[in-house]
Amino acid sequence: MPRVTRPARKPNRPYHHGNLRRALLDEAVATIRAEGVDGLTLREIGARLGVSRTALYRHFADKRALLAAVATEGFRTLRQQLVSAWEDGGREHAAFESMGVAYVRFAVANPSHYRVMFGGFVNPDACDPELAAEAAGAFQALVDALAALQHDGIMRAEDTVKMARFVWAVVHGVAMLGIDGQLHEPGAVEALMRYALERLGTGIAVDAPS
């Protein structure tokens, strides 16, 4: 009897171009969005792209390394968008609000990155230096903006880092409600974001009631 040969499994998303690292990151982000971080494995990512385990390990030693790269990319993009919002807004109070808008919109547009960045899946202090630098840089963008507003007499002369953490806590809360789908009405995320930023501004501005 002739031997029956089964056809090789075809990858879900065949890998055709030369930047394998980029393809791995894109596939990881798509998997996290669909299945969560727990559903991410290097083996499955490789199978979907149709690449060998050897090729995978040339770029990422394990799942932790892949998640660290996703988080690094997320923090870098967030930092760039925060800085752009601040600079394009003229480095004034309105620019500070634009930074808040940019933060929430980044989270809603990039939920996979955001969950890895802030979900406890990676520890920037214990991972590679690039991740630590990008994570610190994103927060420093907020600190620098608040320091400039304090210098100009717009924001209260209080502990700048503590103030930045307060601002971060508020926008992070709105962002998580948005990406978790807890605000169901059309435009609810945008409306809450605007309200939160307005109340933030009046709460930490120099002319705010004590």
N, C-alpha and C. Protein backbone atom coordinates (compact mmCIF):
# COMPACT_ATOMS: atom_id res chain seq x y z
N MET A 1 0.85 -1.20 0.00
CA MET A 1 0.00 0.00 0.00
C MET A 1 0.88 1.24 0.00
N PRO A 2 0.64 2.18 -0.89
CA PRO A 2 1.49 3.39 -0.92
C PRO A 2 1.29 4.22 0.33
N ARG A 3 2.36 4.85 0.77
CA ARG A 3 2.34 5.67 1.96
C ARG A 3 1.65 7.00 1.68
N VAL A 4 0.75 7.39 2.57
CA VAL A 4 0.06 8.66 2.41
C VAL A 4 0.87 9.76 3.09
N THR A 5 1.20 10.77 2.35
CA THR A 5 1.96 11.90 2.88
C THR A 5 1.03 13.06 3.16
N ARG A 6 1.02 13.48 4.42
CA ARG A 6 0.16 14.61 4.78
C ARG A 6 0.81 15.93 4.36
N PRO A 7 0.02 16.82 3.86
CA PRO A 7 0.59 18.13 3.49
C PRO A 7 1.05 18.87 4.73
N ALA A 8 2.13 19.62 4.58
CA ALA A 8 2.67 20.40 5.70
C ALA A 8 1.67 21.48 6.09
N ARG A 9 1.62 21.76 7.38
CA ARG A 9 0.72 22.79 7.87
C ARG A 9 1.14 24.15 7.35
N LYS A 10 0.19 24.85 6.80
CA LYS A 10 0.48 26.17 6.27
C LYS A 10 0.38 27.21 7.39
N PRO A 11 1.32 28.11 7.47
CA PRO A 11 1.24 29.15 8.49
C PRO A 11 0.03 30.04 8.26
N ASN A 12 -0.53 30.52 9.38
CA ASN A 12 -1.69 31.40 9.28
C ASN A 12 -1.36 32.71 8.58
N ARG A 13 -0.18 33.23 8.90
CA ARG A 13 0.26 34.50 8.31
C ARG A 13 1.69 34.32 7.80
N PRO A 14 1.84 33.79 6.58
CA PRO A 14 3.18 33.48 6.08
C PRO A 14 4.11 34.68 6.15
N TYR A 15 5.33 34.39 6.52
CA TYR A 15 6.35 35.43 6.67
C TYR A 15 7.09 35.58 5.34
N HIS A 16 7.02 36.75 4.74
CA HIS A 16 7.59 36.94 3.40
C HIS A 16 8.71 37.97 3.34
N HIS A 17 8.78 38.85 4.31
CA HIS A 17 9.73 39.95 4.19
C HIS A 17 10.93 39.73 5.10
N GLY A 18 11.85 40.69 5.08
CA GLY A 18 13.12 40.46 5.73
C GLY A 18 13.21 40.84 7.19
N ASN A 19 12.27 41.61 7.72
CA ASN A 19 12.37 42.07 9.10
C ASN A 19 11.59 41.13 10.01
N LEU A 20 12.23 40.03 10.41
CA LEU A 20 11.55 39.03 11.23
C LEU A 20 11.20 39.59 12.60
N ARG A 21 12.08 40.39 13.17
CA ARG A 21 11.80 40.94 14.50
C ARG A 21 10.52 41.76 14.48
N ARG A 22 10.34 42.58 13.44
CA ARG A 22 9.13 43.39 13.31
C ARG A 22 7.90 42.50 13.17
N ALA A 23 8.04 41.44 12.38
CA ALA A 23 6.92 40.52 12.17
C ALA A 23 6.54 39.82 13.47
N LEU A 24 7.54 39.45 14.28
CA LEU A 24 7.27 38.80 15.56
C LEU A 24 6.54 39.75 16.51
N LEU A 25 6.97 40.99 16.55
CA LEU A 25 6.31 41.97 17.41
C LEU A 25 4.87 42.20 16.97
N ASP A 26 4.66 42.34 15.68
CA ASP A 26 3.31 42.58 15.17
C ASP A 26 2.39 41.39 15.49
N GLU A 27 2.92 40.18 15.32
CA GLU A 27 2.11 38.99 15.60
C GLU A 27 1.84 38.86 17.10
N ALA A 28 2.80 39.23 17.92
CA ALA A 28 2.60 39.19 19.37
C ALA A 28 1.51 40.16 19.79
N VAL A 29 1.54 41.36 19.24
CA VAL A 29 0.53 42.37 19.57
C VAL A 29 -0.86 41.89 19.15
N ALA A 30 -0.96 41.30 17.96
CA ALA A 30 -2.25 40.80 17.47
C ALA A 30 -2.75 39.66 18.35
N THR A 31 -1.85 38.79 18.80
CA THR A 31 -2.24 37.67 19.65
C THR A 31 -2.72 38.16 21.00
N ILE A 32 -2.01 39.12 21.59
CA ILE A 32 -2.41 39.66 22.89
C ILE A 32 -3.79 40.32 22.79
N ARG A 33 -4.03 41.02 21.71
CA ARG A 33 -5.33 41.68 21.53
C ARG A 33 -6.45 40.64 21.46
N ALA A 34 -6.19 39.52 20.79
CA ALA A 34 -7.23 38.50 20.59
C ALA A 34 -7.35 37.52 21.75
N GLU A 35 -6.22 37.15 22.38
CA GLU A 35 -6.22 36.07 23.35
C GLU A 35 -5.67 36.46 24.72
N GLY A 36 -5.19 37.67 24.87
CA GLY A 36 -4.58 38.07 26.12
C GLY A 36 -3.12 37.64 26.20
N VAL A 37 -2.43 38.15 27.20
CA VAL A 37 -1.01 37.84 27.35
C VAL A 37 -0.80 36.35 27.62
N ASP A 38 -1.71 35.75 28.36
CA ASP A 38 -1.56 34.33 28.68
C ASP A 38 -1.63 33.45 27.43
N GLY A 39 -2.27 33.94 26.39
CA GLY A 39 -2.37 33.16 25.16
C GLY A 39 -1.17 33.26 24.25
N LEU A 40 -0.19 34.04 24.65
CA LEU A 40 1.00 34.27 23.82
C LEU A 40 2.07 33.24 24.12
N THR A 41 2.54 32.53 23.10
CA THR A 41 3.70 31.63 23.20
C THR A 41 4.58 31.83 21.98
N LEU A 42 5.88 31.68 22.18
CA LEU A 42 6.80 31.81 21.06
C LEU A 42 6.54 30.74 20.01
N ARG A 43 6.23 29.54 20.46
CA ARG A 43 6.00 28.44 19.51
C ARG A 43 4.84 28.75 18.59
N GLU A 44 3.73 29.25 19.16
CA GLU A 44 2.56 29.57 18.35
C GLU A 44 2.83 30.73 17.42
N ILE A 45 3.57 31.72 17.90
CA ILE A 45 3.93 32.86 17.05
C ILE A 45 4.74 32.38 15.86
N GLY A 46 5.70 31.51 16.12
CA GLY A 46 6.51 30.97 15.04
C GLY A 46 5.69 30.18 14.04
N ALA A 47 4.75 29.38 14.54
CA ALA A 47 3.91 28.58 13.66
C ALA A 47 3.05 29.46 12.77
N ARG A 48 2.54 30.54 13.32
CA ARG A 48 1.69 31.43 12.53
C ARG A 48 2.47 32.13 11.44
N LEU A 49 3.73 32.41 11.72
CA LEU A 49 4.56 33.09 10.72
C LEU A 49 5.29 32.11 9.82
N GLY A 50 5.30 30.83 10.20
CA GLY A 50 5.98 29.82 9.39
C GLY A 50 7.49 29.91 9.46
N VAL A 51 8.04 30.24 10.65
CA VAL A 51 9.48 30.33 10.82
C VAL A 51 9.94 29.31 11.87
N SER A 52 11.19 28.94 11.83
CA SER A 52 11.72 27.93 12.73
C SER A 52 11.96 28.49 14.13
N ARG A 53 12.05 27.58 15.09
CA ARG A 53 12.33 28.00 16.47
C ARG A 53 13.72 28.63 16.56
N THR A 54 14.64 28.12 15.75
CA THR A 54 15.98 28.69 15.74
C THR A 54 15.94 30.16 15.32
N ALA A 55 15.16 30.45 14.30
CA ALA A 55 15.03 31.83 13.84
C ALA A 55 14.39 32.71 14.91
N LEU A 56 13.40 32.15 15.62
CA LEU A 56 12.76 32.90 16.70
C LEU A 56 13.76 33.30 17.77
N TYR A 57 14.55 32.33 18.19
CA TYR A 57 15.45 32.54 19.33
C TYR A 57 16.63 33.43 18.99
N ARG A 58 16.83 33.70 17.71
CA ARG A 58 17.86 34.68 17.35
C ARG A 58 17.44 36.08 17.78
N HIS A 59 16.14 36.29 17.92
CA HIS A 59 15.62 37.61 18.27
C HIS A 59 15.13 37.68 19.71
N PHE A 60 14.47 36.62 20.18
CA PHE A 60 13.92 36.63 21.53
C PHE A 60 14.19 35.29 22.21
N ALA A 61 14.87 35.35 23.34
CA ALA A 61 15.24 34.12 24.04
C ALA A 61 14.04 33.41 24.64
N ASP A 62 13.02 34.17 25.02
CA ASP A 62 11.85 33.58 25.64
C ASP A 62 10.69 34.57 25.57
N LYS A 63 9.56 34.17 26.14
CA LYS A 63 8.36 35.01 26.12
C LYS A 63 8.61 36.33 26.86
N ARG A 64 9.35 36.28 27.96
CA ARG A 64 9.63 37.49 28.71
C ARG A 64 10.35 38.52 27.85
N ALA A 65 11.30 38.06 27.05
CA ALA A 65 12.05 38.97 26.19
C ALA A 65 11.14 39.59 25.12
N LEU A 66 10.22 38.79 24.60
CA LEU A 66 9.28 39.30 23.60
C LEU A 66 8.35 40.34 24.23
N LEU A 67 7.85 40.06 25.43
CA LEU A 67 6.98 41.02 26.11
C LEU A 67 7.74 42.31 26.45
N ALA A 68 9.00 42.17 26.83
CA ALA A 68 9.81 43.35 27.12
C ALA A 68 9.95 44.22 25.89
N ALA A 69 10.10 43.60 24.72
CA ALA A 69 10.21 44.36 23.48
C ALA A 69 8.91 45.06 23.15
N VAL A 70 7.78 44.39 23.40
CA VAL A 70 6.47 45.02 23.18
C VAL A 70 6.31 46.23 24.10
N ALA A 71 6.67 46.06 25.38
CA ALA A 71 6.56 47.16 26.33
C ALA A 71 7.49 48.31 25.96
N THR A 72 8.70 47.99 25.55
CA THR A 72 9.66 49.02 25.15
C THR A 72 9.12 49.86 24.01
N GLU A 73 8.57 49.18 23.01
CA GLU A 73 7.98 49.89 21.88
C GLU A 73 6.82 50.76 22.33
N GLY A 74 6.00 50.24 23.24
CA GLY A 74 4.87 51.01 23.74
C GLY A 74 5.30 52.26 24.48
N PHE A 75 6.25 52.13 25.39
CA PHE A 75 6.72 53.29 26.14
C PHE A 75 7.37 54.32 25.21
N ARG A 76 8.10 53.84 24.22
CA ARG A 76 8.74 54.78 23.29
C ARG A 76 7.70 55.58 22.52
N THR A 77 6.69 54.88 22.01
CA THR A 77 5.64 55.57 21.26
C THR A 77 4.87 56.53 22.15
N LEU A 78 4.55 56.09 23.37
CA LEU A 78 3.85 56.96 24.31
C LEU A 78 4.67 58.21 24.61
N ARG A 79 5.95 58.04 24.88
CA ARG A 79 6.81 59.19 25.17
C ARG A 79 6.82 60.16 23.99
N GLN A 80 6.96 59.65 22.79
CA GLN A 80 7.01 60.50 21.62
C GLN A 80 5.71 61.27 21.44
N GLN A 81 4.59 60.62 21.69
CA GLN A 81 3.30 61.29 21.53
C GLN A 81 3.07 62.33 22.62
N LEU A 82 3.52 62.04 23.83
CA LEU A 82 3.39 63.01 24.91
C LEU A 82 4.24 64.24 24.64
N VAL A 83 5.47 64.03 24.22
CA VAL A 83 6.36 65.16 23.93
C VAL A 83 5.82 65.98 22.77
N SER A 84 5.31 65.31 21.74
CA SER A 84 4.75 66.04 20.59
C SER A 84 3.56 66.88 21.01
N ALA A 85 2.69 66.31 21.86
CA ALA A 85 1.52 67.06 22.33
C ALA A 85 1.95 68.30 23.11
N TRP A 86 2.98 68.16 23.92
CA TRP A 86 3.49 69.28 24.72
C TRP A 86 4.12 70.35 23.84
N GLU A 87 4.96 69.93 22.91
CA GLU A 87 5.65 70.89 22.06
C GLU A 87 4.69 71.55 21.08
N ASP A 88 3.83 70.75 20.45
CA ASP A 88 2.90 71.30 19.45
C ASP A 88 1.86 72.21 20.10
N GLY A 89 1.59 71.99 21.38
CA GLY A 89 0.61 72.82 22.08
C GLY A 89 1.18 74.10 22.64
N GLY A 90 2.44 74.36 22.41
CA GLY A 90 3.05 75.60 22.84
C GLY A 90 3.57 75.60 24.26
N ARG A 91 3.68 74.41 24.88
CA ARG A 91 4.26 74.29 26.21
C ARG A 91 3.52 75.14 27.24
N GLU A 92 2.18 75.20 27.11
CA GLU A 92 1.35 75.97 28.03
C GLU A 92 0.32 75.04 28.67
N HIS A 93 -0.62 75.62 29.41
CA HIS A 93 -1.62 74.81 30.11
C HIS A 93 -2.43 73.96 29.13
N ALA A 94 -2.76 74.53 27.98
CA ALA A 94 -3.50 73.78 26.98
C ALA A 94 -2.70 72.58 26.48
N ALA A 95 -1.39 72.74 26.41
CA ALA A 95 -0.53 71.65 25.97
C ALA A 95 -0.52 70.51 26.99
N PHE A 96 -0.61 70.87 28.27
CA PHE A 96 -0.70 69.87 29.33
C PHE A 96 -1.96 69.02 29.15
N GLU A 97 -3.08 69.67 28.83
CA GLU A 97 -4.31 68.92 28.57
C GLU A 97 -4.17 68.06 27.33
N SER A 98 -3.46 68.56 26.33
CA SER A 98 -3.24 67.78 25.12
C SER A 98 -2.43 66.52 25.42
N MET A 99 -1.53 66.61 26.38
CA MET A 99 -0.77 65.43 26.78
C MET A 99 -1.70 64.37 27.37
N GLY A 100 -2.66 64.81 28.17
CA GLY A 100 -3.62 63.87 28.74
C GLY A 100 -4.45 63.20 27.68
N VAL A 101 -4.88 63.98 26.69
CA VAL A 101 -5.63 63.43 25.58
C VAL A 101 -4.78 62.41 24.82
N ALA A 102 -3.53 62.77 24.56
CA ALA A 102 -2.63 61.87 23.84
C ALA A 102 -2.43 60.56 24.60
N TYR A 103 -2.34 60.65 25.92
CA TYR A 103 -2.13 59.46 26.75
C TYR A 103 -3.31 58.49 26.61
N VAL A 104 -4.51 59.00 26.82
CA VAL A 104 -5.69 58.13 26.78
C VAL A 104 -5.89 57.57 25.38
N ARG A 105 -5.70 58.40 24.38
CA ARG A 105 -5.89 57.93 23.01
C ARG A 105 -4.85 56.87 22.64
N PHE A 106 -3.64 57.02 23.13
CA PHE A 106 -2.63 55.99 22.90
C PHE A 106 -3.08 54.66 23.48
N ALA A 107 -3.56 54.68 24.72
CA ALA A 107 -3.98 53.45 25.39
C ALA A 107 -5.13 52.78 24.65
N VAL A 108 -6.12 53.56 24.25
CA VAL A 108 -7.28 52.99 23.57
C VAL A 108 -6.91 52.45 22.19
N ALA A 109 -5.98 53.12 21.52
CA ALA A 109 -5.56 52.67 20.19
C ALA A 109 -4.58 51.51 20.23
N ASN A 110 -3.90 51.34 21.37
CA ASN A 110 -2.87 50.30 21.48
C ASN A 110 -3.07 49.48 22.76
N PRO A 111 -4.21 48.81 22.91
CA PRO A 111 -4.49 48.11 24.16
C PRO A 111 -3.51 46.98 24.46
N SER A 112 -3.00 46.31 23.44
CA SER A 112 -2.05 45.21 23.67
C SER A 112 -0.77 45.75 24.28
N HIS A 113 -0.22 46.79 23.70
CA HIS A 113 0.97 47.40 24.26
C HIS A 113 0.71 47.87 25.69
N TYR A 114 -0.43 48.54 25.88
CA TYR A 114 -0.72 49.15 27.17
C TYR A 114 -0.85 48.10 28.27
N ARG A 115 -1.49 46.99 27.97
CA ARG A 115 -1.65 45.94 28.98
C ARG A 115 -0.29 45.35 29.37
N VAL A 116 0.59 45.20 28.41
CA VAL A 116 1.92 44.68 28.72
C VAL A 116 2.72 45.71 29.51
N MET A 117 2.61 46.96 29.16
CA MET A 117 3.35 48.03 29.82
C MET A 117 2.98 48.15 31.30
N PHE A 118 1.67 48.04 31.60
CA PHE A 118 1.21 48.33 32.96
C PHE A 118 0.51 47.17 33.65
N GLY A 119 0.53 46.00 33.05
CA GLY A 119 -0.18 44.86 33.62
C GLY A 119 0.63 43.97 34.53
N GLY A 120 1.87 44.37 34.83
CA GLY A 120 2.72 43.57 35.71
C GLY A 120 3.39 42.40 35.03
N PHE A 121 3.37 42.38 33.69
CA PHE A 121 3.97 41.27 32.96
C PHE A 121 5.47 41.45 32.79
N VAL A 122 5.93 42.69 32.84
CA VAL A 122 7.36 42.99 32.76
C VAL A 122 7.69 43.99 33.85
N ASN A 123 8.89 43.92 34.35
CA ASN A 123 9.39 44.86 35.36
C ASN A 123 10.50 45.68 34.73
N PRO A 124 10.23 46.94 34.39
CA PRO A 124 11.27 47.73 33.72
C PRO A 124 12.59 47.78 34.47
N ASP A 125 12.55 47.75 35.78
CA ASP A 125 13.78 47.84 36.56
C ASP A 125 14.59 46.55 36.53
N ALA A 126 13.92 45.44 36.19
CA ALA A 126 14.61 44.14 36.20
C ALA A 126 14.88 43.63 34.79
N CYS A 127 14.46 44.39 33.78
CA CYS A 127 14.63 43.94 32.41
C CYS A 127 15.80 44.66 31.76
N ASP A 128 15.78 44.74 30.44
CA ASP A 128 16.91 45.32 29.72
C ASP A 128 16.93 46.84 29.88
N PRO A 129 18.10 47.44 29.73
CA PRO A 129 18.24 48.89 29.94
C PRO A 129 17.37 49.72 29.02
N GLU A 130 17.14 49.24 27.81
CA GLU A 130 16.33 50.02 26.86
C GLU A 130 14.90 50.17 27.38
N LEU A 131 14.33 49.09 27.90
CA LEU A 131 12.98 49.16 28.46
C LEU A 131 12.94 50.12 29.64
N ALA A 132 13.91 50.00 30.53
CA ALA A 132 13.96 50.88 31.70
C ALA A 132 14.05 52.34 31.28
N ALA A 133 14.86 52.62 30.28
CA ALA A 133 15.04 54.00 29.82
C ALA A 133 13.77 54.56 29.19
N GLU A 134 13.10 53.74 28.38
CA GLU A 134 11.88 54.22 27.73
C GLU A 134 10.74 54.41 28.73
N ALA A 135 10.63 53.51 29.70
CA ALA A 135 9.59 53.65 30.73
C ALA A 135 9.82 54.92 31.54
N ALA A 136 11.07 55.13 31.94
CA ALA A 136 11.40 56.34 32.71
C ALA A 136 11.19 57.59 31.87
N GLY A 137 11.51 57.51 30.59
CA GLY A 137 11.38 58.66 29.70
C GLY A 137 9.94 59.09 29.51
N ALA A 138 9.02 58.12 29.44
CA ALA A 138 7.61 58.46 29.27
C ALA A 138 7.09 59.21 30.48
N PHE A 139 7.46 58.76 31.67
CA PHE A 139 7.03 59.44 32.89
C PHE A 139 7.73 60.79 33.02
N GLN A 140 9.00 60.85 32.62
CA GLN A 140 9.75 62.10 32.74
C GLN A 140 9.16 63.18 31.86
N ALA A 141 8.55 62.79 30.74
CA ALA A 141 7.92 63.79 29.87
C ALA A 141 6.83 64.54 30.63
N LEU A 142 6.08 63.83 31.45
CA LEU A 142 5.04 64.45 32.26
C LEU A 142 5.65 65.31 33.36
N VAL A 143 6.67 64.78 34.02
CA VAL A 143 7.35 65.54 35.08
C VAL A 143 7.91 66.84 34.54
N ASP A 144 8.56 66.78 33.39
CA ASP A 144 9.17 67.98 32.80
C ASP A 144 8.11 69.03 32.45
N ALA A 145 6.98 68.56 31.92
CA ALA A 145 5.92 69.50 31.56
C ALA A 145 5.37 70.19 32.81
N LEU A 146 5.12 69.43 33.86
CA LEU A 146 4.62 70.02 35.10
C LEU A 146 5.64 70.98 35.72
N ALA A 147 6.91 70.60 35.66
CA ALA A 147 7.96 71.47 36.20
C ALA A 147 8.00 72.81 35.45
N ALA A 148 7.82 72.76 34.13
CA ALA A 148 7.81 74.00 33.34
C ALA A 148 6.61 74.86 33.71
N LEU A 149 5.45 74.24 33.92
CA LEU A 149 4.26 74.99 34.30
C LEU A 149 4.39 75.55 35.71
N GLN A 150 5.05 74.83 36.58
CA GLN A 150 5.32 75.36 37.92
C GLN A 150 6.25 76.56 37.84
N HIS A 151 7.26 76.44 37.01
CA HIS A 151 8.21 77.54 36.84
C HIS A 151 7.52 78.79 36.32
N ASP A 152 6.51 78.61 35.47
CA ASP A 152 5.79 79.75 34.90
C ASP A 152 4.67 80.24 35.81
N GLY A 153 4.54 79.62 36.98
CA GLY A 153 3.52 80.05 37.92
C GLY A 153 2.12 79.58 37.59
N ILE A 154 1.99 78.59 36.74
CA ILE A 154 0.67 78.10 36.34
C ILE A 154 0.19 76.99 37.26
N MET A 155 1.10 76.10 37.63
CA MET A 155 0.75 75.00 38.53
C MET A 155 1.32 75.26 39.92
N ARG A 156 0.71 74.67 40.91
CA ARG A 156 1.14 74.84 42.29
C ARG A 156 2.58 74.37 42.48
N ALA A 157 3.28 75.06 43.36
CA ALA A 157 4.68 74.72 43.65
C ALA A 157 4.74 73.60 44.69
N GLU A 158 4.27 72.44 44.31
CA GLU A 158 4.27 71.28 45.18
C GLU A 158 5.26 70.25 44.64
N ASP A 159 5.38 69.13 45.30
CA ASP A 159 6.28 68.05 44.87
C ASP A 159 5.91 67.65 43.45
N THR A 160 6.81 67.89 42.52
CA THR A 160 6.51 67.68 41.10
C THR A 160 6.28 66.21 40.78
N VAL A 161 7.09 65.34 41.33
CA VAL A 161 6.94 63.91 41.04
C VAL A 161 5.63 63.39 41.60
N LYS A 162 5.29 63.80 42.82
CA LYS A 162 4.02 63.37 43.40
C LYS A 162 2.85 63.89 42.57
N MET A 163 2.96 65.12 42.10
CA MET A 163 1.91 65.69 41.26
C MET A 163 1.79 64.89 39.96
N ALA A 164 2.93 64.52 39.39
CA ALA A 164 2.92 63.74 38.15
C ALA A 164 2.27 62.38 38.36
N ARG A 165 2.53 61.77 39.50
CA ARG A 165 1.91 60.48 39.80
C ARG A 165 0.40 60.61 39.96
N PHE A 166 -0.04 61.72 40.54
CA PHE A 166 -1.46 61.98 40.68
C PHE A 166 -2.12 62.11 39.31
N VAL A 167 -1.50 62.88 38.44
CA VAL A 167 -2.02 63.05 37.08
C VAL A 167 -2.05 61.71 36.36
N TRP A 168 -0.97 60.96 36.47
CA TRP A 168 -0.87 59.65 35.83
C TRP A 168 -1.98 58.72 36.32
N ALA A 169 -2.24 58.73 37.63
CA ALA A 169 -3.27 57.85 38.19
C ALA A 169 -4.63 58.15 37.58
N VAL A 170 -4.92 59.43 37.39
CA VAL A 170 -6.22 59.82 36.83
C VAL A 170 -6.35 59.38 35.37
N VAL A 171 -5.37 59.72 34.55
CA VAL A 171 -5.48 59.39 33.13
C VAL A 171 -5.37 57.88 32.92
N HIS A 172 -4.59 57.20 33.77
CA HIS A 172 -4.50 55.75 33.67
C HIS A 172 -5.86 55.11 33.96
N GLY A 173 -6.56 55.63 34.94
CA GLY A 173 -7.88 55.10 35.26
C GLY A 173 -8.85 55.25 34.10
N VAL A 174 -8.86 56.42 33.48
CA VAL A 174 -9.72 56.63 32.31
C VAL A 174 -9.32 55.69 31.18
N ALA A 175 -8.00 55.55 30.97
CA ALA A 175 -7.51 54.69 29.90
C ALA A 175 -7.95 53.24 30.11
N MET A 176 -7.84 52.74 31.33
CA MET A 176 -8.21 51.36 31.60
C MET A 176 -9.71 51.14 31.43
N LEU A 177 -10.53 52.10 31.85
CA LEU A 177 -11.97 51.98 31.63
C LEU A 177 -12.26 51.92 30.14
N GLY A 178 -11.50 52.69 29.37
CA GLY A 178 -11.69 52.70 27.93
C GLY A 178 -11.32 51.39 27.26
N ILE A 179 -10.14 50.86 27.57
CA ILE A 179 -9.70 49.65 26.87
C ILE A 179 -10.41 48.40 27.40
N ASP A 180 -10.96 48.47 28.61
CA ASP A 180 -11.72 47.35 29.14
C ASP A 180 -13.19 47.38 28.71
N GLY A 181 -13.57 48.41 27.96
CA GLY A 181 -14.94 48.49 27.47
C GLY A 181 -15.97 48.78 28.53
N GLN A 182 -15.58 49.47 29.59
CA GLN A 182 -16.49 49.76 30.68
C GLN A 182 -17.34 51.01 30.45
N LEU A 183 -16.97 51.79 29.45
CA LEU A 183 -17.73 53.00 29.10
C LEU A 183 -18.43 52.74 27.78
N HIS A 184 -19.70 52.38 27.83
CA HIS A 184 -20.38 51.83 26.67
C HIS A 184 -21.01 52.87 25.76
N GLU A 185 -21.38 54.02 26.30
CA GLU A 185 -22.06 55.00 25.48
C GLU A 185 -21.11 55.58 24.44
N PRO A 186 -21.63 55.90 23.25
CA PRO A 186 -20.78 56.51 22.22
C PRO A 186 -20.16 57.81 22.73
N GLY A 187 -18.86 57.93 22.58
CA GLY A 187 -18.16 59.14 23.01
C GLY A 187 -17.91 59.23 24.49
N ALA A 188 -18.22 58.16 25.25
CA ALA A 188 -18.09 58.23 26.71
C ALA A 188 -16.64 58.36 27.15
N VAL A 189 -15.73 57.67 26.47
CA VAL A 189 -14.32 57.76 26.84
C VAL A 189 -13.80 59.17 26.64
N GLU A 190 -14.12 59.74 25.49
CA GLU A 190 -13.67 61.10 25.19
C GLU A 190 -14.26 62.10 26.19
N ALA A 191 -15.54 61.92 26.51
CA ALA A 191 -16.20 62.85 27.43
C ALA A 191 -15.60 62.78 28.83
N LEU A 192 -15.37 61.56 29.32
CA LEU A 192 -14.78 61.41 30.65
C LEU A 192 -13.36 61.93 30.67
N MET A 193 -12.63 61.67 29.60
CA MET A 193 -11.25 62.15 29.49
C MET A 193 -11.22 63.67 29.58
N ARG A 194 -12.09 64.35 28.86
CA ARG A 194 -12.11 65.81 28.87
C ARG A 194 -12.48 66.33 30.25
N TYR A 195 -13.47 65.70 30.88
CA TYR A 195 -13.89 66.13 32.20
C TYR A 195 -12.77 65.94 33.22
N ALA A 196 -12.12 64.77 33.16
CA ALA A 196 -11.03 64.48 34.10
C ALA A 196 -9.89 65.48 33.95
N LEU A 197 -9.55 65.82 32.73
CA LEU A 197 -8.46 66.76 32.49
C LEU A 197 -8.83 68.16 32.96
N GLU A 198 -10.10 68.54 32.77
CA GLU A 198 -10.55 69.85 33.25
C GLU A 198 -10.46 69.93 34.77
N ARG A 199 -10.91 68.88 35.45
CA ARG A 199 -10.87 68.88 36.90
C ARG A 199 -9.43 68.77 37.41
N LEU A 200 -8.59 68.04 36.69
CA LEU A 200 -7.18 67.98 37.05
C LEU A 200 -6.56 69.36 37.01
N GLY A 201 -6.84 70.07 35.91
CA GLY A 201 -6.24 71.40 35.74
C GLY A 201 -6.64 72.35 36.86
N THR A 202 -7.92 72.36 37.22
CA THR A 202 -8.36 73.26 38.27
C THR A 202 -7.87 72.80 39.64
N GLY A 203 -7.60 71.52 39.79
CA GLY A 203 -7.17 71.01 41.08
C GLY A 203 -5.72 71.32 41.41
N ILE A 204 -4.87 71.40 40.40
CA ILE A 204 -3.43 71.60 40.68
C ILE A 204 -2.93 72.96 40.19
N ALA A 205 -3.83 73.78 39.61
CA ALA A 205 -3.42 75.11 39.18
C ALA A 205 -3.27 76.03 40.39
N VAL A 206 -2.51 77.08 40.24
CA VAL A 206 -2.22 77.97 41.37
C VAL A 206 -3.46 78.71 41.84
N ASP A 207 -4.42 78.92 40.95
CA ASP A 207 -5.62 79.67 41.35
C ASP A 207 -6.75 78.73 41.80
N ALA A 208 -6.42 77.42 41.97
CA ALA A 208 -7.42 76.48 42.43
C ALA A 208 -7.70 76.72 43.90
N PRO A 209 -8.93 76.48 44.37
CA PRO A 209 -9.23 76.66 45.80
C PRO A 209 -8.45 75.69 46.65
N SER A 210 -8.02 76.12 47.81
CA SER A 210 -7.24 75.28 48.72
C SER A 210 -8.15 74.29 49.43
